[in-house]
Amino acid sequence: TANRGSWGGGSDAKDPPPLPPEARALDEFEKKMATMLRQRFAGKDKMISDTYALQFIRGYRGDKNPERVILAKYEEMLKKRSEYNIDNVVTSRPEGWEEFNKSVMDGKRVLP
């Protein structure tokens, strides 16, 4: 094969591997749904990355009524996050955290 650059070095260089399907650009349906999610849940989904929202769009787009299912599943996820206070888990420390963390940092076994 012809040398096409530095992808493998030397004269046996190959074309770069193709992008995985999840890395492809958004199609029109995905753009429409992303806009719809952000508008409908504005202020409620500020902790949700575009990539995570896109997982819902691509994951449920094969359903019989993808718009309805995507909106319902996304809303359900946001309700669960709120119910279990997920967005504050990282910034808050539960009772006993200091002792647990000290044990872990000291290399002690903390789980059976």
Protein backbone atom coordinates (compact mmCIF):
# COMPACT_ATOMS: atom_id res chain seq x y z
CA THR A 1 0.00 0.00 0.00
CA ALA A 2 1.03 3.58 -0.53
CA ASN A 3 2.35 5.63 2.35
CA ARG A 4 -0.53 7.93 3.37
CA GLY A 5 0.98 9.70 6.32
CA SER A 6 2.04 8.83 9.83
CA TRP A 7 -0.84 6.55 10.84
CA GLY A 8 1.35 3.52 11.24
CA GLY A 9 4.67 4.67 9.98
CA GLY A 10 6.62 3.42 7.03
CA SER A 11 5.26 2.20 3.75
CA ASP A 12 2.71 -0.09 5.44
CA ALA A 13 0.73 2.85 6.88
CA LYS A 14 -3.03 2.34 6.82
CA ASP A 15 -5.98 4.67 6.79
CA PRO A 16 -7.20 5.65 10.24
CA PRO A 17 -9.92 3.38 11.61
CA PRO A 18 -13.46 4.53 10.87
CA LEU A 19 -15.30 6.40 13.60
CA PRO A 20 -17.65 4.28 15.71
CA PRO A 21 -21.37 4.83 14.96
CA GLU A 22 -21.90 6.74 18.22
CA ALA A 23 -19.34 9.36 17.10
CA ARG A 24 -21.20 10.28 13.92
CA ALA A 25 -22.66 13.74 13.43
CA LEU A 26 -26.24 14.33 14.52
CA ASP A 27 -28.88 13.80 11.87
CA GLU A 28 -31.97 16.03 11.54
CA PHE A 29 -34.11 13.89 13.88
CA GLU A 30 -31.41 13.96 16.56
CA LYS A 31 -31.00 17.74 16.25
CA LYS A 32 -34.77 18.21 16.52
CA MET A 33 -35.02 15.97 19.57
CA ALA A 34 -32.01 17.57 21.28
CA THR A 35 -33.61 20.99 20.86
CA MET A 36 -36.95 19.65 22.07
CA LEU A 37 -35.40 18.08 25.20
CA ARG A 38 -33.46 21.23 26.09
CA GLN A 39 -36.50 23.48 25.59
CA ARG A 40 -39.00 21.27 27.39
CA PHE A 41 -36.77 20.55 30.38
CA ALA A 42 -34.93 23.89 30.54
CA GLY A 43 -33.59 24.44 34.06
CA LYS A 44 -34.37 20.87 35.12
CA ASP A 45 -31.61 19.22 33.11
CA LYS A 46 -28.70 21.61 33.60
CA MET A 47 -26.54 18.78 34.99
CA ILE A 48 -27.18 16.57 31.94
CA SER A 49 -24.49 16.69 29.27
CA ASP A 50 -25.33 16.81 25.59
CA THR A 51 -23.68 13.40 25.21
CA TYR A 52 -25.93 11.87 27.90
CA ALA A 53 -29.04 13.42 26.36
CA LEU A 54 -27.97 12.05 22.98
CA GLN A 55 -27.85 8.54 24.47
CA PHE A 56 -31.59 8.81 25.16
CA ILE A 57 -32.28 10.07 21.65
CA ARG A 58 -30.28 7.35 19.93
CA GLY A 59 -31.27 4.65 22.37
CA TYR A 60 -35.03 5.08 22.00
CA ARG A 61 -35.33 6.31 18.41
CA GLY A 62 -36.20 2.80 17.17
CA ASP A 63 -39.41 2.65 19.21
CA LYS A 64 -42.79 2.85 17.46
CA ASN A 65 -43.30 6.44 18.68
CA PRO A 66 -39.75 7.63 19.33
CA GLU A 67 -40.57 11.27 20.19
CA ARG A 68 -43.06 10.27 22.87
CA VAL A 69 -40.81 7.55 24.28
CA ILE A 70 -37.69 9.73 24.34
CA LEU A 71 -39.52 12.54 26.13
CA ALA A 72 -41.08 10.15 28.63
CA LYS A 73 -37.83 8.30 29.41
CA TYR A 74 -35.85 11.54 29.71
CA GLU A 75 -38.47 12.99 32.08
CA GLU A 76 -38.46 9.77 34.11
CA MET A 77 -34.67 9.95 34.42
CA LEU A 78 -34.83 13.57 35.60
CA LYS A 79 -37.48 12.69 38.20
CA LYS A 80 -35.32 9.84 39.56
CA ARG A 81 -32.28 12.13 39.72
CA SER A 82 -34.34 14.61 41.71
CA GLU A 83 -35.94 11.95 43.93
CA TYR A 84 -32.57 10.50 44.92
CA ASN A 85 -30.79 13.88 44.94
CA ILE A 86 -28.23 12.54 42.45
CA ASP A 87 -26.89 15.94 41.46
CA ASN A 88 -25.78 16.60 45.04
CA VAL A 89 -24.25 13.20 45.83
CA VAL A 90 -20.79 14.21 44.71
CA THR A 91 -20.76 17.47 46.67
CA SER A 92 -22.32 16.20 49.88
CA ARG A 93 -20.82 13.84 52.41
CA PRO A 94 -23.01 11.26 54.15
CA GLU A 95 -22.74 10.46 57.85
CA GLY A 96 -19.61 8.43 58.55
CA TRP A 97 -17.87 9.57 55.37
CA GLU A 98 -14.77 10.92 57.14
CA GLU A 99 -14.17 7.63 58.98
CA PHE A 100 -14.78 5.58 55.84
CA ASN A 101 -12.50 7.77 53.74
CA LYS A 102 -9.72 7.68 56.38
CA SER A 103 -9.90 3.88 56.47
CA VAL A 104 -9.68 3.68 52.69
CA MET A 105 -6.78 6.14 52.56
CA ASP A 106 -4.98 4.16 55.29
CA GLY A 107 -5.37 1.00 53.17
CA LYS A 108 -7.69 -0.73 55.64
CA ARG A 109 -10.32 -3.12 54.38
CA VAL A 110 -13.71 -1.47 54.83
CA LEU A 111 -15.99 -4.00 53.17
CA PRO A 112 -16.40 -7.65 54.12
